[in-house]
Amino acid sequence: MKVTEVKVFPVNEERLKAYVTITLDDCFVVRDLKIIKGHAGLFVAMPSKKRKDGQFKDIAHPLNQETREQMEDAIFEEFESQVKSMGQSLDDLKREER
């Protein structure tokens, strides 16, 4: 599986930094991934749905660490490109976290 397209939609919220849509092998789209600012830095949250008990459950997610890393690398690369085009750097965002 290869991530063939990444679209990042930056937002300016305290924790939520962007929505992301990825395309896999030019034939499968996954929408509503999120780039979140957490305690340990930025991370990619998979699309999820709120259950009746109030907990969130992932709708789609990688089954192994290698696939997760491949997806995250592609997502963060495009996110950094978007952030740079807005006149910021990823380091600036990381400094804001502290």
PDB file of N, CA and C in Angstrom:
ATOM      1  N   MET A   1       0.831  -1.167   0.000  1.00  0.00           N
ATOM      2  CA  MET A   1       0.000   0.000   0.000  1.00  0.00           C
ATOM      3  C   MET A   1       0.881   1.238   0.000  1.00  0.00           C
ATOM      4  N   LYS A   2       0.492   2.205  -0.803  1.00  0.00           N
ATOM      5  CA  LYS A   2       1.256   3.439  -0.894  1.00  0.00           C
ATOM      6  C   LYS A   2       0.316   4.632  -0.765  1.00  0.00           C
ATOM      7  N   VAL A   3       0.739   5.614  -0.003  1.00  0.00           N
ATOM      8  CA  VAL A   3      -0.013   6.863   0.095  1.00  0.00           C
ATOM      9  C   VAL A   3       0.323   7.656  -1.163  1.00  0.00           C
ATOM     10  N   THR A   4      -0.669   7.844  -2.037  1.00  0.00           N
ATOM     11  CA  THR A   4      -0.415   8.486  -3.320  1.00  0.00           C
ATOM     12  C   THR A   4      -0.838   9.946  -3.358  1.00  0.00           C
ATOM     13  N   GLU A   5      -1.635  10.378  -2.384  1.00  0.00           N
ATOM     14  CA  GLU A   5      -2.011  11.793  -2.323  1.00  0.00           C
ATOM     15  C   GLU A   5      -2.361  12.156  -0.890  1.00  0.00           C
ATOM     16  N   VAL A   6      -1.962  13.362  -0.501  1.00  0.00           N
ATOM     17  CA  VAL A   6      -2.278  13.880   0.825  1.00  0.00           C
ATOM     18  C   VAL A   6      -2.781  15.312   0.651  1.00  0.00           C
ATOM     19  N   LYS A   7      -3.941  15.591   1.211  1.00  0.00           N
ATOM     20  CA  LYS A   7      -4.477  16.951   1.225  1.00  0.00           C
ATOM     21  C   LYS A   7      -4.616  17.370   2.674  1.00  0.00           C
ATOM     22  N   VAL A   8      -4.007  18.506   2.992  1.00  0.00           N
ATOM     23  CA  VAL A   8      -4.026  19.025   4.360  1.00  0.00           C
ATOM     24  C   VAL A   8      -4.823  20.321   4.369  1.00  0.00           C
ATOM     25  N   PHE A   9      -5.722  20.430   5.333  1.00  0.00           N
ATOM     26  CA  PHE A   9      -6.564  21.612   5.481  1.00  0.00           C
ATOM     27  C   PHE A   9      -6.299  22.208   6.874  1.00  0.00           C
ATOM     28  N   PRO A  10      -5.318  23.140   6.969  1.00  0.00           N
ATOM     29  CA  PRO A  10      -4.957  23.706   8.275  1.00  0.00           C
ATOM     30  C   PRO A  10      -6.117  24.463   8.917  1.00  0.00           C
ATOM     31  N   VAL A  11      -6.171  24.381  10.232  1.00  0.00           N
ATOM     32  CA  VAL A  11      -7.126  25.160  11.027  1.00  0.00           C
ATOM     33  C   VAL A  11      -6.345  25.796  12.172  1.00  0.00           C
ATOM     34  N   ASN A  12      -6.883  26.847  12.724  1.00  0.00           N
ATOM     35  CA  ASN A  12      -6.181  27.559  13.786  1.00  0.00           C
ATOM     36  C   ASN A  12      -6.956  27.408  15.089  1.00  0.00           C
ATOM     37  N   GLU A  13      -6.863  26.225  15.661  1.00  0.00           N
ATOM     38  CA  GLU A  13      -7.495  25.958  16.948  1.00  0.00           C
ATOM     39  C   GLU A  13      -6.410  25.575  17.939  1.00  0.00           C
ATOM     40  N   GLU A  14      -6.766  25.562  19.216  1.00  0.00           N
ATOM     41  CA  GLU A  14      -5.766  25.289  20.246  1.00  0.00           C
ATOM     42  C   GLU A  14      -5.101  23.926  20.073  1.00  0.00           C
ATOM     43  N   ARG A  15      -5.900  22.875  19.949  1.00  0.00           N
ATOM     44  CA  ARG A  15      -5.327  21.530  19.826  1.00  0.00           C
ATOM     45  C   ARG A  15      -5.375  20.997  18.396  1.00  0.00           C
ATOM     46  N   LEU A  16      -6.457  21.244  17.682  1.00  0.00           N
ATOM     47  CA  LEU A  16      -6.609  20.759  16.311  1.00  0.00           C
ATOM     48  C   LEU A  16      -5.835  21.676  15.376  1.00  0.00           C
ATOM     49  N   LYS A  17      -4.887  21.096  14.636  1.00  0.00           N
ATOM     50  CA  LYS A  17      -4.049  21.891  13.742  1.00  0.00           C
ATOM     51  C   LYS A  17      -4.427  21.724  12.276  1.00  0.00           C
ATOM     52  N   ALA A  18      -5.025  20.582  11.904  1.00  0.00           N
ATOM     53  CA  ALA A  18      -5.413  20.390  10.499  1.00  0.00           C
ATOM     54  C   ALA A  18      -6.302  19.161  10.363  1.00  0.00           C
ATOM     55  N   TYR A  19      -7.142  19.213   9.321  1.00  0.00           N
ATOM     56  CA  TYR A  19      -7.853  18.031   8.843  1.00  0.00           C
ATOM     57  C   TYR A  19      -7.060  17.492   7.665  1.00  0.00           C
ATOM     58  N   VAL A  20      -7.110  16.189   7.450  1.00  0.00           N
ATOM     59  CA  VAL A  20      -6.319  15.565   6.394  1.00  0.00           C
ATOM     60  C   VAL A  20      -7.168  14.552   5.636  1.00  0.00           C
ATOM     61  N   THR A  21      -6.960  14.513   4.317  1.00  0.00           N
ATOM     62  CA  THR A  21      -7.538  13.475   3.459  1.00  0.00           C
ATOM     63  C   THR A  21      -6.378  12.798   2.749  1.00  0.00           C
ATOM     64  N   ILE A  22      -6.361  11.457   2.769  1.00  0.00           N
ATOM     65  CA  ILE A  22      -5.300  10.726   2.059  1.00  0.00           C
ATOM     66  C   ILE A  22      -5.928   9.806   1.018  1.00  0.00           C
ATOM     67  N   THR A  23      -5.151   9.554  -0.028  1.00  0.00           N
ATOM     68  CA  THR A  23      -5.538   8.581  -1.044  1.00  0.00           C
ATOM     69  C   THR A  23      -4.503   7.464  -1.019  1.00  0.00           C
ATOM     70  N   LEU A  24      -4.975   6.235  -1.026  1.00  0.00           N
ATOM     71  CA  LEU A  24      -4.107   5.056  -1.015  1.00  0.00           C
ATOM     72  C   LEU A  24      -4.142   4.390  -2.389  1.00  0.00           C
ATOM     73  N   ASP A  25      -2.979   4.131  -2.943  1.00  0.00           N
ATOM     74  CA  ASP A  25      -2.842   3.438  -4.234  1.00  0.00           C
ATOM     75  C   ASP A  25      -3.726   4.024  -5.330  1.00  0.00           C
ATOM     76  N   ASP A  26      -3.918   5.336  -5.306  1.00  0.00           N
ATOM     77  CA  ASP A  26      -4.739   6.023  -6.316  1.00  0.00           C
ATOM     78  C   ASP A  26      -6.145   5.449  -6.455  1.00  0.00           C
ATOM     79  N   CYS A  27      -6.644   4.749  -5.416  1.00  0.00           N
ATOM     80  CA  CYS A  27      -7.960   4.125  -5.585  1.00  0.00           C
ATOM     81  C   CYS A  27      -8.813   4.067  -4.318  1.00  0.00           C
ATOM     82  N   PHE A  28      -8.296   4.553  -3.177  1.00  0.00           N
ATOM     83  CA  PHE A  28      -9.083   4.486  -1.943  1.00  0.00           C
ATOM     84  C   PHE A  28      -8.820   5.744  -1.138  1.00  0.00           C
ATOM     85  N   VAL A  29      -9.887   6.459  -0.751  1.00  0.00           N
ATOM     86  CA  VAL A  29      -9.758   7.722  -0.031  1.00  0.00           C
ATOM     87  C   VAL A  29     -10.179   7.547   1.423  1.00  0.00           C
ATOM     88  N   VAL A  30      -9.394   8.156   2.321  1.00  0.00           N
ATOM     89  CA  VAL A  30      -9.740   8.196   3.739  1.00  0.00           C
ATOM     90  C   VAL A  30      -9.767   9.673   4.132  1.00  0.00           C
ATOM     91  N   ARG A  31     -10.920  10.129   4.618  1.00  0.00           N
ATOM     92  CA  ARG A  31     -11.107  11.521   5.021  1.00  0.00           C
ATOM     93  C   ARG A  31     -11.175  11.639   6.542  1.00  0.00           C
ATOM     94  N   ASP A  32     -11.043  12.859   6.985  1.00  0.00           N
ATOM     95  CA  ASP A  32     -11.219  13.222   8.404  1.00  0.00           C
ATOM     96  C   ASP A  32     -10.147  12.700   9.341  1.00  0.00           C
ATOM     97  N   LEU A  33      -8.930  12.469   8.844  1.00  0.00           N
ATOM     98  CA  LEU A  33      -7.820  12.302   9.757  1.00  0.00           C
ATOM     99  C   LEU A  33      -7.552  13.680  10.325  1.00  0.00           C
ATOM    100  N   LYS A  34      -6.928  13.749  11.492  1.00  0.00           N
ATOM    101  CA  LYS A  34      -6.669  15.046  12.125  1.00  0.00           C
ATOM    102  C   LYS A  34      -5.231  15.104  12.610  1.00  0.00           C
ATOM    103  N   ILE A  35      -4.648  16.284  12.511  1.00  0.00           N
ATOM    104  CA  ILE A  35      -3.362  16.537  13.158  1.00  0.00           C
ATOM    105  C   ILE A  35      -3.688  17.279  14.445  1.00  0.00           C
ATOM    106  N   ILE A  36      -3.298  16.662  15.557  1.00  0.00           N
ATOM    107  CA  ILE A  36      -3.633  17.151  16.890  1.00  0.00           C
ATOM    108  C   ILE A  36      -2.355  17.506  17.638  1.00  0.00           C
ATOM    109  N   LYS A  37      -2.417  18.591  18.406  1.00  0.00           N
ATOM    110  CA  LYS A  37      -1.310  18.953  19.292  1.00  0.00           C
ATOM    111  C   LYS A  37      -1.578  18.318  20.647  1.00  0.00           C
ATOM    112  N   GLY A  38      -0.766  17.334  20.996  1.00  0.00           N
ATOM    113  CA  GLY A  38      -0.906  16.655  22.278  1.00  0.00           C
ATOM    114  C   GLY A  38       0.207  17.044  23.228  1.00  0.00           C
ATOM    115  N   HIS A  39       0.268  16.390  24.372  1.00  0.00           N
ATOM    116  CA  HIS A  39       1.291  16.691  25.376  1.00  0.00           C
ATOM    117  C   HIS A  39       2.690  16.358  24.887  1.00  0.00           C
ATOM    118  N   ALA A  40       2.824  15.335  24.045  1.00  0.00           N
ATOM    119  CA  ALA A  40       4.137  14.907  23.559  1.00  0.00           C
ATOM    120  C   ALA A  40       4.443  15.449  22.162  1.00  0.00           C
ATOM    121  N   GLY A  41       3.624  16.368  21.660  1.00  0.00           N
ATOM    122  CA  GLY A  41       3.854  16.929  20.335  1.00  0.00           C
ATOM    123  C   GLY A  41       2.694  16.635  19.403  1.00  0.00           C
ATOM    124  N   LEU A  42       2.945  16.840  18.110  1.00  0.00           N
ATOM    125  CA  LEU A  42       1.909  16.619  17.112  1.00  0.00           C
ATOM    126  C   LEU A  42       1.729  15.135  16.833  1.00  0.00           C
ATOM    127  N   PHE A  43       0.477  14.724  16.595  1.00  0.00           N
ATOM    128  CA  PHE A  43       0.216  13.346  16.200  1.00  0.00           C
ATOM    129  C   PHE A  43      -0.959  13.309  15.238  1.00  0.00           C
ATOM    130  N   VAL A  44      -1.077  12.203  14.518  1.00  0.00           N
ATOM    131  CA  VAL A  44      -2.169  12.009  13.571  1.00  0.00           C
ATOM    132  C   VAL A  44      -3.233  11.147  14.243  1.00  0.00           C
ATOM    133  N   ALA A  45      -4.455  11.674  14.283  1.00  0.00           N
ATOM    134  CA  ALA A  45      -5.596  10.923  14.823  1.00  0.00           C
ATOM    135  C   ALA A  45      -6.390  10.368  13.646  1.00  0.00           C
ATOM    136  N   MET A  46      -6.748   9.116  13.739  1.00  0.00           N
ATOM    137  CA  MET A  46      -7.520   8.471  12.687  1.00  0.00           C
ATOM    138  C   MET A  46      -8.979   8.917  12.760  1.00  0.00           C
ATOM    139  N   PRO A  47      -9.711   8.783  11.653  1.00  0.00           N
ATOM    140  CA  PRO A  47     -11.129   9.141  11.686  1.00  0.00           C
ATOM    141  C   PRO A  47     -11.860   8.264  12.702  1.00  0.00           C
ATOM    142  N   SER A  48     -12.763   8.889  13.450  1.00  0.00           N
ATOM    143  CA  SER A  48     -13.445   8.132  14.495  1.00  0.00           C
ATOM    144  C   SER A  48     -14.909   8.545  14.567  1.00  0.00           C
ATOM    145  N   LYS A  49     -15.661   7.733  15.299  1.00  0.00           N
ATOM    146  CA  LYS A  49     -17.084   7.961  15.481  1.00  0.00           C
ATOM    147  C   LYS A  49     -17.386   7.848  16.973  1.00  0.00           C
ATOM    148  N   LYS A  50     -18.237   8.736  17.459  1.00  0.00           N
ATOM    149  CA  LYS A  50     -18.618   8.688  18.870  1.00  0.00           C
ATOM    150  C   LYS A  50     -19.667   7.608  19.077  1.00  0.00           C
ATOM    151  N   ARG A  51     -19.398   6.717  20.032  1.00  0.00           N
ATOM    152  CA  ARG A  51     -20.334   5.644  20.336  1.00  0.00           C
ATOM    153  C   ARG A  51     -21.385   6.129  21.326  1.00  0.00           C
ATOM    154  N   LYS A  52     -22.418   5.338  21.504  1.00  0.00           N
ATOM    155  CA  LYS A  52     -23.501   5.704  22.421  1.00  0.00           C
ATOM    156  C   LYS A  52     -23.013   5.904  23.849  1.00  0.00           C
ATOM    157  N   ASP A  53     -21.932   5.197  24.228  1.00  0.00           N
ATOM    158  CA  ASP A  53     -21.417   5.330  25.589  1.00  0.00           C
ATOM    159  C   ASP A  53     -20.489   6.542  25.748  1.00  0.00           C
ATOM    160  N   GLY A  54     -20.331   7.354  24.680  1.00  0.00           N
ATOM    161  CA  GLY A  54     -19.534   8.565  24.750  1.00  0.00           C
ATOM    162  C   GLY A  54     -18.082   8.399  24.342  1.00  0.00           C
ATOM    163  N   GLN A  55     -17.629   7.161  24.184  1.00  0.00           N
ATOM    164  CA  GLN A  55     -16.252   6.921  23.761  1.00  0.00           C
ATOM    165  C   GLN A  55     -16.150   7.030  22.248  1.00  0.00           C
ATOM    166  N   PHE A  56     -14.938   7.325  21.778  1.00  0.00           N
ATOM    167  CA  PHE A  56     -14.704   7.390  20.341  1.00  0.00           C
ATOM    168  C   PHE A  56     -14.022   6.115  19.874  1.00  0.00           C
ATOM    169  N   LYS A  57     -14.433   5.615  18.730  1.00  0.00           N
ATOM    170  CA  LYS A  57     -13.877   4.394  18.147  1.00  0.00           C
ATOM    171  C   LYS A  57     -13.383   4.723  16.740  1.00  0.00           C
ATOM    172  N   ASP A  58     -12.142   4.328  16.424  1.00  0.00           N
ATOM    173  CA  ASP A  58     -11.605   4.559  15.079  1.00  0.00           C
ATOM    174  C   ASP A  58     -12.463   3.861  14.039  1.00  0.00           C
ATOM    175  N   ILE A  59     -12.732   4.565  12.949  1.00  0.00           N
ATOM    176  CA  ILE A  59     -13.465   3.991  11.822  1.00  0.00           C
ATOM    177  C   ILE A  59     -12.503   3.249  10.911  1.00  0.00           C
ATOM    178  N   ALA A  60     -11.332   3.843  10.711  1.00  0.00           N
ATOM    179  CA  ALA A  60     -10.286   3.248   9.874  1.00  0.00           C
ATOM    180  C   ALA A  60      -8.950   3.507  10.552  1.00  0.00           C
ATOM    181  N   HIS A  61      -8.058   2.531  10.480  1.00  0.00           N
ATOM    182  CA  HIS A  61      -6.733   2.708  11.081  1.00  0.00           C
ATOM    183  C   HIS A  61      -5.771   1.672  10.520  1.00  0.00           C
ATOM    184  N   PRO A  62      -4.463   1.978  10.542  1.00  0.00           N
ATOM    185  CA  PRO A  62      -3.465   1.007  10.076  1.00  0.00           C
ATOM    186  C   PRO A  62      -3.399  -0.181  11.034  1.00  0.00           C
ATOM    187  N   LEU A  63      -3.064  -1.330  10.477  1.00  0.00           N
ATOM    188  CA  LEU A  63      -2.993  -2.543  11.295  1.00  0.00           C
ATOM    189  C   LEU A  63      -1.601  -2.832  11.844  1.00  0.00           C
ATOM    190  N   ASN A  64      -0.592  -2.087  11.362  1.00  0.00           N
ATOM    191  CA  ASN A  64       0.752  -2.306  11.882  1.00  0.00           C
ATOM    192  C   ASN A  64       1.525  -0.992  11.936  1.00  0.00           C
ATOM    193  N   GLN A  65       2.607  -0.991  12.693  1.00  0.00           N
ATOM    194  CA  GLN A  65       3.392   0.227  12.912  1.00  0.00           C
ATOM    195  C   GLN A  65       4.037   0.732  11.628  1.00  0.00           C
ATOM    196  N   GLU A  66       4.480  -0.170  10.767  1.00  0.00           N
ATOM    197  CA  GLU A  66       5.122   0.234   9.509  1.00  0.00           C
ATOM    198  C   GLU A  66       4.155   1.056   8.639  1.00  0.00           C
ATOM    199  N   THR A  67       2.933   0.610   8.537  1.00  0.00           N
ATOM    200  CA  THR A  67       1.939   1.333   7.744  1.00  0.00           C
ATOM    201  C   THR A  67       1.597   2.665   8.396  1.00  0.00           C
ATOM    202  N   ARG A  68       1.465   2.674   9.716  1.00  0.00           N
ATOM    203  CA  ARG A  68       1.186   3.922  10.435  1.00  0.00           C
ATOM    204  C   ARG A  68       2.301   4.939  10.183  1.00  0.00           C
ATOM    205  N   GLU A  69       3.544   4.505  10.263  1.00  0.00           N
ATOM    206  CA  GLU A  69       4.673   5.413  10.054  1.00  0.00           C
ATOM    207  C   GLU A  69       4.697   5.943   8.620  1.00  0.00           C
ATOM    208  N   GLN A  70       4.406   5.094   7.656  1.00  0.00           N
ATOM    209  CA  GLN A  70       4.368   5.525   6.256  1.00  0.00           C
ATOM    210  C   GLN A  70       3.298   6.606   6.074  1.00  0.00           C
ATOM    211  N   MET A  71       2.129   6.395   6.647  1.00  0.00           N
ATOM    212  CA  MET A  71       1.052   7.378   6.553  1.00  0.00           C
ATOM    213  C   MET A  71       1.435   8.679   7.256  1.00  0.00           C
ATOM    214  N   GLU A  72       1.954   8.570   8.480  1.00  0.00           N
ATOM    215  CA  GLU A  72       2.326   9.763   9.232  1.00  0.00           C
ATOM    216  C   GLU A  72       3.417  10.557   8.538  1.00  0.00           C
ATOM    217  N   ASP A  73       4.415   9.870   7.975  1.00  0.00           N
ATOM    218  CA  ASP A  73       5.492  10.559   7.263  1.00  0.00           C
ATOM    219  C   ASP A  73       4.935  11.382   6.106  1.00  0.00           C
ATOM    220  N   ALA A  74       4.057  10.787   5.309  1.00  0.00           N
ATOM    221  CA  ALA A  74       3.471  11.489   4.164  1.00  0.00           C
ATOM    222  C   ALA A  74       2.607  12.661   4.637  1.00  0.00           C
ATOM    223  N   ILE A  75       1.852  12.459   5.699  1.00  0.00           N
ATOM    224  CA  ILE A  75       0.968  13.502   6.222  1.00  0.00           C
ATOM    225  C   ILE A  75       1.779  14.662   6.787  1.00  0.00           C
ATOM    226  N   PHE A  76       2.784  14.371   7.610  1.00  0.00           N
ATOM    227  CA  PHE A  76       3.578  15.445   8.210  1.00  0.00           C
ATOM    228  C   PHE A  76       4.419  16.184   7.168  1.00  0.00           C
ATOM    229  N   GLU A  77       4.844  15.494   6.125  1.00  0.00           N
ATOM    230  CA  GLU A  77       5.585  16.153   5.042  1.00  0.00           C
ATOM    231  C   GLU A  77       4.693  17.199   4.362  1.00  0.00           C
ATOM    232  N   GLU A  78       3.464  16.821   4.044  1.00  0.00           N
ATOM    233  CA  GLU A  78       2.541  17.765   3.407  1.00  0.00           C
ATOM    234  C   GLU A  78       2.120  18.863   4.380  1.00  0.00           C
ATOM    235  N   PHE A  79       1.922  18.518   5.645  1.00  0.00           N
ATOM    236  CA  PHE A  79       1.562  19.515   6.648  1.00  0.00           C
ATOM    237  C   PHE A  79       2.662  20.556   6.781  1.00  0.00           C
ATOM    238  N   GLU A  80       3.904  20.108   6.829  1.00  0.00           N
ATOM    239  CA  GLU A  80       5.032  21.042   6.928  1.00  0.00           C
ATOM    240  C   GLU A  80       5.084  21.958   5.709  1.00  0.00           C
ATOM    241  N   SER A  81       4.804  21.420   4.534  1.00  0.00           N
ATOM    242  CA  SER A  81       4.765  22.226   3.318  1.00  0.00           C
ATOM    243  C   SER A  81       3.681  23.303   3.419  1.00  0.00           C
ATOM    244  N   GLN A  82       2.510  22.922   3.907  1.00  0.00           N
ATOM    245  CA  GLN A  82       1.405  23.871   4.080  1.00  0.00           C
ATOM    246  C   GLN A  82       1.761  24.954   5.105  1.00  0.00           C
ATOM    247  N   VAL A  83       2.357  24.547   6.209  1.00  0.00           N
ATOM    248  CA  VAL A  83       2.716  25.482   7.272  1.00  0.00           C
ATOM    249  C   VAL A  83       3.754  26.478   6.743  1.00  0.00           C
ATOM    250  N   LYS A  84       4.731  25.991   5.970  1.00  0.00           N
ATOM    251  CA  LYS A  84       5.753  26.877   5.405  1.00  0.00           C
ATOM    252  C   LYS A  84       5.130  27.874   4.437  1.00  0.00           C
ATOM    253  N   SER A  85       4.153  27.429   3.654  1.00  0.00           N
ATOM    254  CA  SER A  85       3.515  28.338   2.702  1.00  0.00           C
ATOM    255  C   SER A  85       2.717  29.423   3.413  1.00  0.00           C
ATOM    256  N   MET A  86       2.389  29.189   4.684  1.00  0.00           N
ATOM    257  CA  MET A  86       1.667  30.180   5.489  1.00  0.00           C
ATOM    258  C   MET A  86       2.641  31.069   6.263  1.00  0.00           C
ATOM    259  N   GLY A  87       3.935  30.875   6.030  1.00  0.00           N
ATOM    260  CA  GLY A  87       4.938  31.721   6.673  1.00  0.00           C
ATOM    261  C   GLY A  87       5.374  31.266   8.041  1.00  0.00           C
ATOM    262  N   GLN A  88       5.059  30.049   8.414  1.00  0.00           N
ATOM    263  CA  GLN A  88       5.482  29.503   9.706  1.00  0.00           C
ATOM    264  C   GLN A  88       6.398  28.315   9.450  1.00  0.00           C
ATOM    265  N   SER A  89       6.925  27.778  10.516  1.00  0.00           N
ATOM    266  CA  SER A  89       7.678  26.530  10.418  1.00  0.00           C
ATOM    267  C   SER A  89       7.099  25.538  11.414  1.00  0.00           C
ATOM    268  N   LEU A  90       7.382  24.283  11.192  1.00  0.00           N
ATOM    269  CA  LEU A  90       6.918  23.254  12.119  1.00  0.00           C
ATOM    270  C   LEU A  90       7.540  23.482  13.497  1.00  0.00           C
ATOM    271  N   ASP A  91       8.771  23.989  13.534  1.00  0.00           N
ATOM    272  CA  ASP A  91       9.422  24.300  14.811  1.00  0.00           C
ATOM    273  C   ASP A  91       8.642  25.372  15.570  1.00  0.00           C
ATOM    274  N   ASP A  92       8.092  26.379  14.839  1.00  0.00           N
ATOM    275  CA  ASP A  92       7.276  27.407  15.495  1.00  0.00           C
ATOM    276  C   ASP A  92       6.072  26.777  16.172  1.00  0.00           C
ATOM    277  N   LEU A  93       5.411  25.838  15.477  1.00  0.00           N
ATOM    278  CA  LEU A  93       4.251  25.164  16.064  1.00  0.00           C
ATOM    279  C   LEU A  93       4.651  24.376  17.292  1.00  0.00           C
ATOM    280  N   LYS A  94       5.797  23.717  17.230  1.00  0.00           N
ATOM    281  CA  LYS A  94       6.247  22.921  18.371  1.00  0.00           C
ATOM    282  C   LYS A  94       6.568  23.815  19.556  1.00  0.00           C
ATOM    283  N   ARG A  95       7.123  25.006  19.283  1.00  0.00           N
ATOM    284  CA  ARG A  95       7.416  25.944  20.378  1.00  0.00           C
ATOM    285  C   ARG A  95       6.122  26.426  21.019  1.00  0.00           C
ATOM    286  N   GLU A  96       5.066  26.609  20.239  1.00  0.00           N
ATOM    287  CA  GLU A  96       3.779  27.042  20.782  1.00  0.00           C
ATOM    288  C   GLU A  96       3.219  26.027  21.766  1.00  0.00           C
ATOM    289  N   GLU A  97       3.643  24.763  21.629  1.00  0.00           N
ATOM    290  CA  GLU A  97       3.124  23.689  22.477  1.00  0.00           C
ATOM    291  C   GLU A  97       3.616  23.809  23.899  1.00  0.00           C
ATOM    292  N   ARG A  98       4.752  24.426  24.079  1.00  0.00           N
ATOM    293  CA  ARG A  98       5.372  24.457  25.409  1.00  0.00           C
ATOM    294  C   ARG A  98       4.744  25.464  26.313  1.00  0.00           C
TER     295      ARG A  98
END
